[in-house]
C-alpha atoms as a PDB file:
ATOM      1  CA  UNK A   1      13.664 -17.268  19.106  1.00  0.00           C
ATOM      2  CA  UNK A   2      12.317 -20.194  17.133  1.00  0.00           C
ATOM      3  CA  UNK A   3      11.724 -20.816  13.452  1.00  0.00           C
ATOM      4  CA  UNK A   4       8.161 -19.514  13.492  1.00  0.00           C
ATOM      5  CA  UNK A   5       9.320 -16.162  14.934  1.00  0.00           C
ATOM      6  CA  UNK A   6      12.016 -15.877  12.289  1.00  0.00           C
ATOM      7  CA  UNK A   7       9.484 -16.742   9.576  1.00  0.00           C
ATOM      8  CA  UNK A   8       7.055 -14.130  10.911  1.00  0.00           C
ATOM      9  CA  UNK A   9       9.791 -11.460  10.900  1.00  0.00           C
ATOM     10  CA  UNK A  10      10.841 -12.251   7.347  1.00  0.00           C
ATOM     11  CA  UNK A  11       7.204 -12.205   6.232  1.00  0.00           C
ATOM     12  CA  UNK A  12       6.693  -8.838   7.927  1.00  0.00           C
ATOM     13  CA  UNK A  13       9.762  -7.389   6.179  1.00  0.00           C
ATOM     14  CA  UNK A  14       8.652  -8.734   2.808  1.00  0.00           C
ATOM     15  CA  UNK A  15       5.175  -7.306   3.279  1.00  0.00           C
ATOM     16  CA  UNK A  16       6.616  -3.908   4.172  1.00  0.00           C
ATOM     17  CA  UNK A  17       8.705  -3.822   0.999  1.00  0.00           C
ATOM     18  CA  UNK A  18       5.756  -5.126  -1.042  1.00  0.00           C
ATOM     19  CA  UNK A  19       3.642  -2.301   0.391  1.00  0.00           C
ATOM     20  CA  UNK A  20       6.168   0.205  -0.948  1.00  0.00           C
ATOM     21  CA  UNK A  21       6.230  -1.439  -4.370  1.00  0.00           C
ATOM     22  CA  UNK A  22       2.447  -1.644  -4.670  1.00  0.00           C
ATOM     23  CA  UNK A  23       2.080   1.887  -3.319  1.00  0.00           C
ATOM     24  CA  UNK A  24       4.354   3.226  -6.046  1.00  0.00           C
ATOM     25  CA  UNK A  25       2.612   1.100  -8.676  1.00  0.00           C
ATOM     26  CA  UNK A  26      -0.561   2.866  -7.583  1.00  0.00           C
ATOM     27  CA  UNK A  27       0.474   5.837  -9.730  1.00  0.00           C
ATOM     28  CA  UNK A  28       0.011   3.809 -12.922  1.00  0.00           C
ATOM     29  CA  UNK A  29      -3.038   5.072 -14.837  1.00  0.00           C
ATOM     30  CA  UNK A  30      -6.239   2.982 -14.828  1.00  0.00           C
ATOM     31  CA  UNK A  31      -4.945  -0.015 -12.804  1.00  0.00           C
ATOM     32  CA  UNK A  32      -3.250   2.077 -10.130  1.00  0.00           C
ATOM     33  CA  UNK A  33      -6.289   2.225  -7.870  1.00  0.00           C
ATOM     34  CA  UNK A  34      -6.193  -1.559  -7.440  1.00  0.00           C
ATOM     35  CA  UNK A  35      -2.505  -1.481  -6.577  1.00  0.00           C
ATOM     36  CA  UNK A  36      -3.194   1.193  -3.977  1.00  0.00           C
ATOM     37  CA  UNK A  37      -5.886  -0.913  -2.338  1.00  0.00           C
ATOM     38  CA  UNK A  38      -3.501  -3.887  -2.308  1.00  0.00           C
ATOM     39  CA  UNK A  39      -0.764  -1.733  -0.734  1.00  0.00           C
ATOM     40  CA  UNK A  40      -3.076  -0.657   2.073  1.00  0.00           C
ATOM     41  CA  UNK A  41      -4.147  -4.238   2.731  1.00  0.00           C
ATOM     42  CA  UNK A  42      -0.561  -5.504   2.777  1.00  0.00           C
ATOM     43  CA  UNK A  43       0.397  -2.643   5.080  1.00  0.00           C
ATOM     44  CA  UNK A  44      -2.275  -3.704   7.541  1.00  0.00           C
ATOM     45  CA  UNK A  45      -0.890  -7.231   7.623  1.00  0.00           C
ATOM     46  CA  UNK A  46       2.649  -5.948   8.202  1.00  0.00           C
ATOM     47  CA  UNK A  47       1.464  -3.521  10.862  1.00  0.00           C
ATOM     48  CA  UNK A  48      -0.248  -6.332  12.731  1.00  0.00           C
ATOM     49  CA  UNK A  49       3.116  -8.128  12.997  1.00  0.00           C
ATOM     50  CA  UNK A  50       4.789  -4.890  14.169  1.00  0.00           C
ATOM     51  CA  UNK A  51       2.939  -5.229  17.456  1.00  0.00           C
ATOM     52  CA  UNK A  52       5.062  -8.266  18.232  1.00  0.00           C
ATOM     53  CA  UNK A  53       8.341  -7.617  16.386  1.00  0.00           C
ATOM     54  CA  UNK A  54      10.516  -4.653  15.512  1.00  0.00           C
ATOM     55  CA  UNK A  55      10.193  -3.813  11.810  1.00  0.00           C
ATOM     56  CA  UNK A  56      13.408  -2.625  10.174  1.00  0.00           C
ATOM     57  CA  UNK A  57      11.447  -1.862   6.985  1.00  0.00           C
ATOM     58  CA  UNK A  58       8.923   0.412   8.724  1.00  0.00           C
ATOM     59  CA  UNK A  59       9.999   3.499   6.712  1.00  0.00           C
ATOM     60  CA  UNK A  60       9.347   1.594   3.484  1.00  0.00           C
ATOM     61  CA  UNK A  61       5.907   0.569   4.727  1.00  0.00           C
ATOM     62  CA  UNK A  62       5.050   4.133   5.713  1.00  0.00           C
ATOM     63  CA  UNK A  63       6.247   5.480   2.366  1.00  0.00           C
ATOM     64  CA  UNK A  64       4.173   2.821   0.595  1.00  0.00           C
ATOM     65  CA  UNK A  65       1.057   3.739   2.572  1.00  0.00           C
ATOM     66  CA  UNK A  66       1.616   7.416   1.818  1.00  0.00           C
ATOM     67  CA  UNK A  67       2.083   6.745  -1.902  1.00  0.00           C
ATOM     68  CA  UNK A  68      -1.020   4.531  -1.944  1.00  0.00           C
ATOM     69  CA  UNK A  69      -3.137   7.152  -0.195  1.00  0.00           C
ATOM     70  CA  UNK A  70      -1.953   9.958  -2.482  1.00  0.00           C
ATOM     71  CA  UNK A  71      -2.521   7.881  -5.613  1.00  0.00           C
ATOM     72  CA  UNK A  72      -5.994   6.820  -4.446  1.00  0.00           C
ATOM     73  CA  UNK A  73      -6.924  10.464  -3.886  1.00  0.00           C
ATOM     74  CA  UNK A  74      -5.463  11.409  -7.271  1.00  0.00           C
ATOM     75  CA  UNK A  75      -7.297   8.688  -9.213  1.00  0.00           C
ATOM     76  CA  UNK A  76     -10.541   9.325  -7.322  1.00  0.00           C
ATOM     77  CA  UNK A  77     -10.332  13.015  -8.210  1.00  0.00           C
ATOM     78  CA  UNK A  78      -9.656  12.203 -11.863  1.00  0.00           C
ATOM     79  CA  UNK A  79     -12.554   9.737 -11.922  1.00  0.00           C
ATOM     80  CA  UNK A  80     -14.865  12.350 -10.447  1.00  0.00           C
ATOM     81  CA  UNK A  81     -13.762  14.860 -13.088  1.00  0.00           C
ATOM     82  CA  UNK A  82     -14.343  12.362 -15.912  1.00  0.00           C
ATOM     83  CA  UNK A  83     -17.795  11.431 -14.619  1.00  0.00           C
ATOM     84  CA  UNK A  84     -18.620  15.130 -14.147  1.00  0.00           C
ATOM     85  CA  UNK A  85     -17.666  15.837 -17.769  1.00  0.00           C
ATOM     86  CA  UNK A  86     -19.766  12.942 -19.063  1.00  0.00           C
ATOM     87  CA  UNK A  87     -22.806  13.914 -17.010  1.00  0.00           C
ATOM     88  CA  UNK A  88     -22.660  17.592 -17.967  1.00  0.00           C
ATOM     89  CA  UNK A  89     -22.439  17.091 -21.738  1.00  0.00           C
END
């Protein structure tokens, strides 16, 4: 194992934890949708590295993706309800 492999593993672990953090921040009103999109993008980058290396932080990445998906659905539903109310007044 050389330095570039070690760097790639550390980066993958950091991205997995960042995915969890951004996924949970996705539940913040108004700005949460952006955090959810960022969590999904970061998860994709970490998942790409998982093809080559074992990811000890995989459960954190999966929890982050789940939180991001749930929060995106929640905020999309709320946005649809708000727009529906405005249109039907």
